[in-house]
Structures are given as structure tokens and as C-alpha cells.
Amino acid sequence: MSYHMHLRALPGSRLPRAYAHLAEFLAEAWDNYEEEAEAGIAVSIEKDFELVDRFCTSEPAAPGGADGPGALPVAGGIVVEDPRDVDPPILVLGPGEVGEAARFLDGVSFDALWASGGTAVMAGFRGRDEARVRDGVVRPLHEGLRTFYTRAAAEGHTVVKCFWF
């Protein structure tokens, strides 16, 4: 089974407000993911998003832990619940929070985060080679988020996040 966290940047003025409209927008965006990722307005994390969140919120490299700016890239945002309580919630980060996420990802080194959170990440990869996990899995995900948020912040975009199962 495959599951993804899908992030999509867009101008706040184009943001649908109701859950059904957000879900429809994101479903269409997912159908166009390849093109949108190429354009720099979409990114996704397959199955490891919880570990990336733990990595980004690991103290002392990420001050405030789960309540600090390191929580914004993965799990942060305003929660928009499915009124039918069937599908997962959608998360929305406004332009200010997108900028804060970008500053966090750009301002803390990967190595400092790994020193703080590498052990927690490795718990999810029992028996795997640490260098391969660090450099082959987590570093590219971190770099992808950093690039995505930096671009979205520079454009003044909102970021919406959903989970596909």
C-alpha cells in the first residue's frame, strides 16, 4: 500500500475555502503532480512524512520542538476537517507561516538536525545502514522541502497539504 503527503503551493487568493473544494482542488493537483512538481509548486513525501516531522522538530536543533517552527513544514497549519468525517484533514499554511517554515529549513543545518533527531529517525528504519538512510532518504526529503518552501515563500504563496492513502 502506498501513502503520500502532498504539498501544493498557490496564491492565497486562489485558495478554496470549503473542505469539498479544497479536496477537489488537491485531487486535480495530484492528477497533475508530475508537471506541478517540475514547475516547483508541488512536492510529496511517500510514507516517511512522520519521520521527517520528527526530524524537523528534534530539539535542540529545532527550538520549541513540536510547538516550534520546525513543525510547520510537515504537520503545521490550520486544520480543515472533512465534515463527513471520512477523509483525512487538509492542512493550510498562510504566506506568513510558509515564510517561517522556509526560514527554519534554510536556517538550521541538516547535520544539526541529524545530530538532534537522527536516532528517532533510525528507529523507523531498524537494521538499515545509517549513512544510507541519512543521505539516501532523509537528506533528499529535507532538501526537497527546503527548496519547495523557499520558492513558495518568495512567491508569497499559501501551502495546502493533504494525505493520500
N, C-alpha and C. Protein backbone atom coordinates (compact mmCIF):
# COMPACT_ATOMS: atom_id res chain seq x y z
N MET A 1 0.84 -1.17 0.00
CA MET A 1 0.00 0.00 0.00
C MET A 1 0.89 1.24 0.00
N SER A 2 0.51 2.21 -0.77
CA SER A 2 1.27 3.45 -0.86
C SER A 2 0.48 4.58 -0.21
N TYR A 3 1.19 5.45 0.47
CA TYR A 3 0.54 6.64 1.02
C TYR A 3 1.51 7.79 0.95
N HIS A 4 0.95 8.97 0.68
CA HIS A 4 1.75 10.16 0.43
C HIS A 4 1.21 11.36 1.19
N MET A 5 2.12 12.24 1.54
CA MET A 5 1.75 13.58 1.96
C MET A 5 2.02 14.46 0.75
N HIS A 6 1.02 15.19 0.32
CA HIS A 6 1.09 16.02 -0.89
C HIS A 6 1.03 17.48 -0.47
N LEU A 7 1.99 18.27 -0.88
CA LEU A 7 2.02 19.71 -0.59
C LEU A 7 1.89 20.46 -1.90
N ARG A 8 1.04 21.47 -1.90
CA ARG A 8 0.80 22.25 -3.13
C ARG A 8 0.80 23.73 -2.77
N ALA A 9 1.61 24.52 -3.45
CA ALA A 9 1.66 25.97 -3.24
C ALA A 9 0.72 26.64 -4.24
N LEU A 10 0.09 27.73 -3.79
CA LEU A 10 -0.78 28.51 -4.66
C LEU A 10 -0.98 29.88 -4.07
N PRO A 11 -1.32 30.86 -4.89
CA PRO A 11 -1.64 32.18 -4.35
C PRO A 11 -2.84 32.07 -3.41
N GLY A 12 -2.78 32.74 -2.28
CA GLY A 12 -3.86 32.68 -1.31
C GLY A 12 -5.20 33.09 -1.89
N SER A 13 -5.19 33.98 -2.86
CA SER A 13 -6.44 34.43 -3.47
C SER A 13 -7.14 33.30 -4.25
N ARG A 14 -6.41 32.26 -4.61
CA ARG A 14 -6.99 31.12 -5.34
C ARG A 14 -7.36 29.97 -4.41
N LEU A 15 -7.20 30.15 -3.11
CA LEU A 15 -7.43 29.07 -2.16
C LEU A 15 -8.92 28.82 -1.97
N PRO A 16 -9.39 27.62 -2.31
CA PRO A 16 -10.78 27.28 -1.99
C PRO A 16 -10.97 27.27 -0.48
N ARG A 17 -12.14 27.63 -0.01
CA ARG A 17 -12.36 27.73 1.44
C ARG A 17 -13.00 26.48 2.05
N ALA A 18 -13.94 25.88 1.37
CA ALA A 18 -14.66 24.72 1.92
C ALA A 18 -13.84 23.45 1.71
N TYR A 19 -14.02 22.49 2.63
CA TYR A 19 -13.28 21.24 2.54
C TYR A 19 -13.49 20.56 1.19
N ALA A 20 -14.73 20.47 0.74
CA ALA A 20 -15.02 19.78 -0.52
C ALA A 20 -14.27 20.42 -1.69
N HIS A 21 -14.19 21.74 -1.70
CA HIS A 21 -13.49 22.44 -2.78
C HIS A 21 -11.98 22.26 -2.67
N LEU A 22 -11.47 22.29 -1.43
CA LEU A 22 -10.04 22.02 -1.23
C LEU A 22 -9.69 20.61 -1.70
N ALA A 23 -10.52 19.64 -1.31
CA ALA A 23 -10.27 18.25 -1.69
C ALA A 23 -10.32 18.09 -3.21
N GLU A 24 -11.26 18.74 -3.85
CA GLU A 24 -11.37 18.68 -5.31
C GLU A 24 -10.14 19.30 -5.97
N PHE A 25 -9.73 20.47 -5.46
CA PHE A 25 -8.54 21.13 -5.98
C PHE A 25 -7.31 20.23 -5.84
N LEU A 26 -7.15 19.62 -4.66
CA LEU A 26 -5.98 18.78 -4.41
C LEU A 26 -6.02 17.49 -5.22
N ALA A 27 -7.19 16.93 -5.44
CA ALA A 27 -7.30 15.73 -6.27
C ALA A 27 -6.86 16.04 -7.71
N GLU A 28 -7.29 17.19 -8.21
CA GLU A 28 -6.87 17.59 -9.56
C GLU A 28 -5.36 17.85 -9.60
N ALA A 29 -4.86 18.50 -8.54
CA ALA A 29 -3.42 18.77 -8.46
C ALA A 29 -2.63 17.45 -8.41
N TRP A 30 -3.15 16.46 -7.69
CA TRP A 30 -2.47 15.17 -7.61
C TRP A 30 -2.42 14.50 -8.99
N ASP A 31 -3.51 14.64 -9.74
CA ASP A 31 -3.53 14.10 -11.11
C ASP A 31 -2.47 14.76 -11.99
N ASN A 32 -2.12 16.00 -11.67
CA ASN A 32 -1.13 16.76 -12.45
C ASN A 32 0.20 16.88 -11.71
N TYR A 33 0.44 15.97 -10.77
CA TYR A 33 1.59 16.10 -9.88
C TYR A 33 2.92 16.23 -10.62
N GLU A 34 3.16 15.40 -11.59
CA GLU A 34 4.46 15.41 -12.29
C GLU A 34 4.77 16.81 -12.83
N GLU A 35 3.80 17.40 -13.52
CA GLU A 35 4.00 18.72 -14.12
C GLU A 35 4.16 19.79 -13.03
N GLU A 36 3.36 19.68 -11.98
CA GLU A 36 3.41 20.68 -10.91
C GLU A 36 4.70 20.58 -10.10
N ALA A 37 5.19 19.36 -9.89
CA ALA A 37 6.47 19.20 -9.19
C ALA A 37 7.59 19.79 -10.04
N GLU A 38 7.54 19.54 -11.33
CA GLU A 38 8.53 20.10 -12.25
C GLU A 38 8.51 21.63 -12.21
N ALA A 39 7.32 22.21 -12.05
CA ALA A 39 7.17 23.66 -12.00
C ALA A 39 7.54 24.23 -10.63
N GLY A 40 7.79 23.36 -9.65
CA GLY A 40 8.19 23.81 -8.32
C GLY A 40 7.04 24.20 -7.41
N ILE A 41 5.80 23.87 -7.79
CA ILE A 41 4.65 24.26 -6.95
C ILE A 41 4.06 23.07 -6.20
N ALA A 42 4.67 21.91 -6.31
CA ALA A 42 4.20 20.72 -5.60
C ALA A 42 5.38 19.86 -5.19
N VAL A 43 5.19 19.17 -4.08
CA VAL A 43 6.17 18.20 -3.60
C VAL A 43 5.38 17.15 -2.82
N SER A 44 5.93 15.96 -2.70
CA SER A 44 5.26 14.94 -1.90
C SER A 44 6.31 14.13 -1.15
N ILE A 45 5.84 13.51 -0.08
CA ILE A 45 6.69 12.60 0.69
C ILE A 45 5.93 11.29 0.79
N GLU A 46 6.53 10.23 0.28
CA GLU A 46 5.89 8.92 0.34
C GLU A 46 6.22 8.28 1.68
N LYS A 47 5.23 7.96 2.44
CA LYS A 47 5.22 7.19 3.69
C LYS A 47 6.13 7.67 4.81
N ASP A 48 7.19 8.39 4.57
CA ASP A 48 8.13 8.78 5.63
C ASP A 48 7.84 10.15 6.23
N PHE A 49 6.66 10.71 5.98
CA PHE A 49 6.40 12.08 6.44
C PHE A 49 6.41 12.21 7.96
N GLU A 50 5.97 11.17 8.68
CA GLU A 50 6.02 11.26 10.14
C GLU A 50 7.47 11.31 10.64
N LEU A 51 8.34 10.53 10.04
CA LEU A 51 9.75 10.56 10.42
C LEU A 51 10.39 11.90 10.07
N VAL A 52 10.01 12.48 8.94
CA VAL A 52 10.54 13.80 8.57
C VAL A 52 10.04 14.85 9.56
N ASP A 53 8.80 14.72 10.02
CA ASP A 53 8.29 15.64 11.03
C ASP A 53 9.09 15.51 12.33
N ARG A 54 9.33 14.29 12.77
CA ARG A 54 10.15 14.08 13.98
C ARG A 54 11.54 14.67 13.81
N PHE A 55 12.11 14.48 12.63
CA PHE A 55 13.43 15.02 12.32
C PHE A 55 13.42 16.55 12.41
N CYS A 56 12.42 17.19 11.81
CA CYS A 56 12.36 18.66 11.78
C CYS A 56 12.01 19.27 13.13
N THR A 57 11.46 18.48 14.04
CA THR A 57 11.08 19.02 15.35
C THR A 57 12.01 18.55 16.47
N SER A 58 13.15 17.96 16.12
CA SER A 58 14.06 17.44 17.13
C SER A 58 14.83 18.56 17.81
N GLU A 59 14.73 18.58 19.13
CA GLU A 59 15.47 19.58 19.91
C GLU A 59 16.85 19.02 20.24
N PRO A 60 17.86 19.82 20.43
CA PRO A 60 17.88 21.28 20.49
C PRO A 60 18.01 21.98 19.14
N ALA A 61 18.23 21.25 18.06
CA ALA A 61 18.41 21.91 16.75
C ALA A 61 17.15 22.66 16.33
N ALA A 62 15.99 22.16 16.72
CA ALA A 62 14.71 22.79 16.37
C ALA A 62 14.07 23.32 17.65
N PRO A 63 14.37 24.57 18.02
CA PRO A 63 13.81 25.13 19.25
C PRO A 63 12.29 25.07 19.25
N GLY A 64 11.74 24.67 20.39
CA GLY A 64 10.30 24.58 20.52
C GLY A 64 9.73 23.23 20.14
N GLY A 65 10.56 22.36 19.57
CA GLY A 65 10.10 21.02 19.21
C GLY A 65 8.83 21.05 18.38
N ALA A 66 7.84 20.27 18.79
CA ALA A 66 6.58 20.15 18.05
C ALA A 66 5.76 21.43 18.09
N ASP A 67 6.11 22.37 18.96
CA ASP A 67 5.40 23.65 19.02
C ASP A 67 6.18 24.77 18.37
N GLY A 68 7.33 24.47 17.80
CA GLY A 68 8.19 25.49 17.20
C GLY A 68 8.05 25.52 15.69
N PRO A 69 8.87 26.33 15.04
CA PRO A 69 8.78 26.48 13.59
C PRO A 69 9.12 25.21 12.82
N GLY A 70 9.83 24.28 13.43
CA GLY A 70 10.14 23.02 12.76
C GLY A 70 8.92 22.15 12.50
N ALA A 71 7.81 22.44 13.21
CA ALA A 71 6.57 21.68 12.99
C ALA A 71 5.84 22.14 11.74
N LEU A 72 6.14 23.33 11.27
CA LEU A 72 5.39 23.88 10.13
C LEU A 72 5.55 23.10 8.82
N PRO A 73 6.76 22.69 8.42
CA PRO A 73 6.90 22.06 7.10
C PRO A 73 6.04 20.82 6.87
N VAL A 74 5.86 19.99 7.89
CA VAL A 74 5.12 18.75 7.69
C VAL A 74 3.74 18.80 8.35
N ALA A 75 3.68 18.96 9.66
CA ALA A 75 2.42 18.81 10.39
C ALA A 75 1.75 20.13 10.73
N GLY A 76 2.35 21.26 10.37
CA GLY A 76 1.79 22.54 10.75
C GLY A 76 0.71 23.04 9.82
N GLY A 77 -0.09 23.94 10.37
CA GLY A 77 -1.12 24.59 9.56
C GLY A 77 -2.48 24.54 10.21
N ILE A 78 -3.39 25.30 9.64
CA ILE A 78 -4.77 25.29 10.09
C ILE A 78 -5.39 23.99 9.59
N VAL A 79 -6.07 23.30 10.47
CA VAL A 79 -6.69 22.02 10.13
C VAL A 79 -8.09 22.28 9.56
N VAL A 80 -8.34 21.76 8.38
CA VAL A 80 -9.66 21.81 7.76
C VAL A 80 -10.18 20.38 7.74
N GLU A 81 -11.18 20.11 8.58
CA GLU A 81 -11.72 18.76 8.73
C GLU A 81 -12.74 18.44 7.65
N ASP A 82 -12.79 17.18 7.28
CA ASP A 82 -13.84 16.69 6.39
C ASP A 82 -15.14 16.67 7.20
N PRO A 83 -16.16 17.43 6.81
CA PRO A 83 -17.40 17.46 7.59
C PRO A 83 -18.10 16.10 7.65
N ARG A 84 -17.80 15.22 6.70
CA ARG A 84 -18.38 13.87 6.71
C ARG A 84 -17.59 12.94 7.62
N ASP A 85 -16.40 13.40 8.07
CA ASP A 85 -15.51 12.62 8.92
C ASP A 85 -15.11 11.29 8.26
N VAL A 86 -14.86 11.36 6.94
CA VAL A 86 -14.47 10.18 6.18
C VAL A 86 -13.00 10.27 5.77
N ASP A 87 -12.62 11.40 5.20
CA ASP A 87 -11.27 11.57 4.69
C ASP A 87 -10.39 12.32 5.68
N PRO A 88 -9.07 12.18 5.54
CA PRO A 88 -8.15 12.88 6.45
C PRO A 88 -8.30 14.39 6.31
N PRO A 89 -7.93 15.12 7.35
CA PRO A 89 -7.99 16.59 7.27
C PRO A 89 -7.00 17.13 6.25
N ILE A 90 -7.24 18.36 5.85
CA ILE A 90 -6.33 19.10 4.98
C ILE A 90 -5.70 20.18 5.84
N LEU A 91 -4.43 20.45 5.66
CA LEU A 91 -3.72 21.48 6.41
C LEU A 91 -3.43 22.66 5.50
N VAL A 92 -3.56 23.87 6.05
CA VAL A 92 -3.34 25.09 5.28
C VAL A 92 -2.37 25.99 6.02
N LEU A 93 -1.28 26.36 5.36
CA LEU A 93 -0.32 27.34 5.89
C LEU A 93 -0.46 28.62 5.08
N GLY A 94 -0.70 29.73 5.77
CA GLY A 94 -0.76 31.01 5.10
C GLY A 94 0.64 31.48 4.72
N PRO A 95 0.73 32.56 3.94
CA PRO A 95 2.04 33.05 3.48
C PRO A 95 3.02 33.35 4.61
N GLY A 96 2.56 33.87 5.74
CA GLY A 96 3.46 34.14 6.86
C GLY A 96 4.07 32.87 7.42
N GLU A 97 3.24 31.84 7.59
CA GLU A 97 3.74 30.56 8.09
C GLU A 97 4.64 29.87 7.07
N VAL A 98 4.32 30.03 5.78
CA VAL A 98 5.17 29.47 4.73
C VAL A 98 6.56 30.11 4.81
N GLY A 99 6.59 31.42 5.02
CA GLY A 99 7.87 32.12 5.17
C GLY A 99 8.62 31.65 6.40
N GLU A 100 7.90 31.42 7.50
CA GLU A 100 8.53 30.93 8.72
C GLU A 100 9.11 29.53 8.51
N ALA A 101 8.36 28.67 7.82
CA ALA A 101 8.85 27.32 7.51
C ALA A 101 10.10 27.39 6.65
N ALA A 102 10.09 28.27 5.65
CA ALA A 102 11.25 28.42 4.76
C ALA A 102 12.47 28.92 5.54
N ARG A 103 12.26 29.89 6.42
CA ARG A 103 13.39 30.41 7.22
C ARG A 103 13.94 29.33 8.13
N PHE A 104 13.06 28.51 8.71
CA PHE A 104 13.52 27.42 9.56
C PHE A 104 14.37 26.44 8.75
N LEU A 105 13.82 25.96 7.64
CA LEU A 105 14.53 24.95 6.83
C LEU A 105 15.84 25.48 6.27
N ASP A 106 15.87 26.77 5.97
CA ASP A 106 17.09 27.38 5.42
C ASP A 106 18.09 27.73 6.52
N GLY A 107 17.59 27.92 7.74
CA GLY A 107 18.44 28.43 8.81
C GLY A 107 19.09 27.39 9.69
N VAL A 108 18.59 26.16 9.68
CA VAL A 108 19.18 25.12 10.51
C VAL A 108 19.84 24.10 9.57
N SER A 109 21.03 23.70 9.91
CA SER A 109 21.74 22.77 9.02
C SER A 109 21.17 21.36 9.13
N PHE A 110 21.25 20.66 8.05
CA PHE A 110 20.83 19.26 8.03
C PHE A 110 21.60 18.48 9.09
N ASP A 111 22.91 18.71 9.18
CA ASP A 111 23.73 17.96 10.13
C ASP A 111 23.33 18.23 11.58
N ALA A 112 22.95 19.47 11.89
CA ALA A 112 22.49 19.77 13.26
C ALA A 112 21.18 19.04 13.55
N LEU A 113 20.27 19.03 12.59
CA LEU A 113 19.02 18.29 12.78
C LEU A 113 19.28 16.80 12.92
N TRP A 114 20.20 16.27 12.11
CA TRP A 114 20.51 14.85 12.21
C TRP A 114 21.11 14.52 13.58
N ALA A 115 21.97 15.39 14.08
CA ALA A 115 22.56 15.16 15.41
C ALA A 115 21.48 15.14 16.48
N SER A 116 20.44 15.96 16.32
CA SER A 116 19.34 16.01 17.29
C SER A 116 18.32 14.90 17.09
N GLY A 117 17.99 14.60 15.84
CA GLY A 117 16.87 13.70 15.57
C GLY A 117 17.19 12.43 14.82
N GLY A 118 18.44 12.21 14.50
CA GLY A 118 18.79 11.02 13.73
C GLY A 118 18.43 9.72 14.41
N THR A 119 18.58 9.67 15.73
CA THR A 119 18.25 8.44 16.46
C THR A 119 16.76 8.13 16.34
N ALA A 120 15.92 9.15 16.47
CA ALA A 120 14.47 8.95 16.34
C ALA A 120 14.11 8.49 14.93
N VAL A 121 14.76 9.06 13.94
CA VAL A 121 14.50 8.65 12.56
C VAL A 121 14.93 7.20 12.35
N MET A 122 16.10 6.85 12.84
CA MET A 122 16.63 5.50 12.63
C MET A 122 15.75 4.44 13.29
N ALA A 123 15.00 4.81 14.33
CA ALA A 123 14.08 3.85 14.96
C ALA A 123 13.05 3.34 13.95
N GLY A 124 12.73 4.15 12.96
CA GLY A 124 11.79 3.74 11.92
C GLY A 124 12.44 2.94 10.80
N PHE A 125 13.75 2.81 10.86
CA PHE A 125 14.50 2.09 9.81
C PHE A 125 15.36 1.01 10.46
N ARG A 126 14.80 0.25 11.36
CA ARG A 126 15.56 -0.76 12.11
C ARG A 126 16.39 -1.64 11.17
N GLY A 127 17.65 -1.78 11.51
CA GLY A 127 18.53 -2.67 10.77
C GLY A 127 19.10 -2.09 9.48
N ARG A 128 18.71 -0.89 9.13
CA ARG A 128 19.20 -0.27 7.89
C ARG A 128 20.48 0.51 8.18
N ASP A 129 21.30 0.66 7.19
CA ASP A 129 22.55 1.40 7.30
C ASP A 129 22.26 2.89 7.52
N GLU A 130 22.81 3.45 8.58
CA GLU A 130 22.53 4.85 8.93
C GLU A 130 22.91 5.81 7.82
N ALA A 131 24.06 5.64 7.22
CA ALA A 131 24.50 6.57 6.17
C ALA A 131 23.54 6.53 4.98
N ARG A 132 23.04 5.35 4.64
CA ARG A 132 22.09 5.24 3.52
C ARG A 132 20.78 5.92 3.85
N VAL A 133 20.30 5.75 5.07
CA VAL A 133 19.04 6.39 5.48
C VAL A 133 19.24 7.90 5.50
N ARG A 134 20.31 8.34 6.15
CA ARG A 134 20.59 9.78 6.28
C ARG A 134 20.74 10.44 4.91
N ASP A 135 21.62 9.89 4.08
CA ASP A 135 21.95 10.55 2.82
C ASP A 135 21.08 10.13 1.64
N GLY A 136 20.47 8.96 1.73
CA GLY A 136 19.67 8.47 0.62
C GLY A 136 18.17 8.67 0.78
N VAL A 137 17.73 8.89 2.03
CA VAL A 137 16.29 9.07 2.28
C VAL A 137 16.02 10.45 2.87
N VAL A 138 16.57 10.72 4.04
CA VAL A 138 16.19 11.92 4.78
C VAL A 138 16.76 13.20 4.16
N ARG A 139 18.02 13.19 3.78
CA ARG A 139 18.61 14.40 3.20
C ARG A 139 17.86 14.86 1.94
N PRO A 140 17.55 13.97 0.99
CA PRO A 140 16.80 14.43 -0.18
C PRO A 140 15.40 14.95 0.17
N LEU A 141 14.74 14.34 1.15
CA LEU A 141 13.42 14.84 1.56
C LEU A 141 13.54 16.22 2.18
N HIS A 142 14.53 16.40 3.04
CA HIS A 142 14.76 17.70 3.67
C HIS A 142 15.07 18.75 2.62
N GLU A 143 15.93 18.41 1.67
CA GLU A 143 16.30 19.36 0.62
C GLU A 143 15.10 19.69 -0.27
N GLY A 144 14.28 18.70 -0.56
CA GLY A 144 13.08 18.95 -1.36
C GLY A 144 12.12 19.89 -0.66
N LEU A 145 11.93 19.70 0.65
CA LEU A 145 11.07 20.61 1.41
C LEU A 145 11.66 22.01 1.46
N ARG A 146 12.98 22.09 1.69
CA ARG A 146 13.64 23.40 1.77
C ARG A 146 13.47 24.16 0.46
N THR A 147 13.70 23.51 -0.65
CA THR A 147 13.56 24.14 -1.96
C THR A 147 12.11 24.57 -2.21
N PHE A 148 11.17 23.68 -1.92
CA PHE A 148 9.75 23.96 -2.13
C PHE A 148 9.30 25.17 -1.29
N TYR A 149 9.61 25.15 0.01
CA TYR A 149 9.16 26.24 0.88
C TYR A 149 9.86 27.55 0.56
N THR A 150 11.12 27.50 0.20
CA THR A 150 11.84 28.73 -0.17
C THR A 150 11.18 29.38 -1.37
N ARG A 151 10.84 28.58 -2.36
CA ARG A 151 10.18 29.12 -3.55
C ARG A 151 8.78 29.64 -3.22
N ALA A 152 8.02 28.86 -2.47
CA ALA A 152 6.66 29.28 -2.11
C ALA A 152 6.69 30.58 -1.31
N ALA A 153 7.64 30.71 -0.39
CA ALA A 153 7.75 31.93 0.41
C ALA A 153 8.11 33.12 -0.47
N ALA A 154 9.03 32.93 -1.40
CA ALA A 154 9.44 34.01 -2.29
C ALA A 154 8.28 34.50 -3.15
N GLU A 155 7.35 33.60 -3.46
CA GLU A 155 6.17 33.95 -4.27
C GLU A 155 5.02 34.47 -3.42
N GLY A 156 5.16 34.41 -2.08
CA GLY A 156 4.07 34.83 -1.20
C GLY A 156 2.89 33.87 -1.21
N HIS A 157 3.17 32.59 -1.49
CA HIS A 157 2.11 31.60 -1.63
C HIS A 157 1.63 31.02 -0.30
N THR A 158 0.44 30.48 -0.36
CA THR A 158 -0.13 29.63 0.67
C THR A 158 0.25 28.20 0.30
N VAL A 159 0.36 27.32 1.29
CA VAL A 159 0.62 25.90 1.03
C VAL A 159 -0.51 25.08 1.64
N VAL A 160 -1.07 24.19 0.83
CA VAL A 160 -2.07 23.25 1.33
C VAL A 160 -1.45 21.86 1.31
N LYS A 161 -1.82 21.06 2.32
CA LYS A 161 -1.25 19.73 2.47
C LYS A 161 -2.37 18.72 2.69
N CYS A 162 -2.25 17.59 2.03
CA CYS A 162 -3.22 16.52 2.25
C CYS A 162 -2.48 15.19 2.25
N PHE A 163 -3.21 14.17 2.60
CA PHE A 163 -2.64 12.83 2.74
C PHE A 163 -3.44 11.88 1.87
N TRP A 164 -2.75 11.18 0.98
CA TRP A 164 -3.38 10.22 0.08
C TRP A 164 -3.05 8.81 0.55
N PHE A 165 -4.07 8.02 0.80
CA PHE A 165 -3.89 6.63 1.26
C PHE A 165 -4.50 5.68 0.25
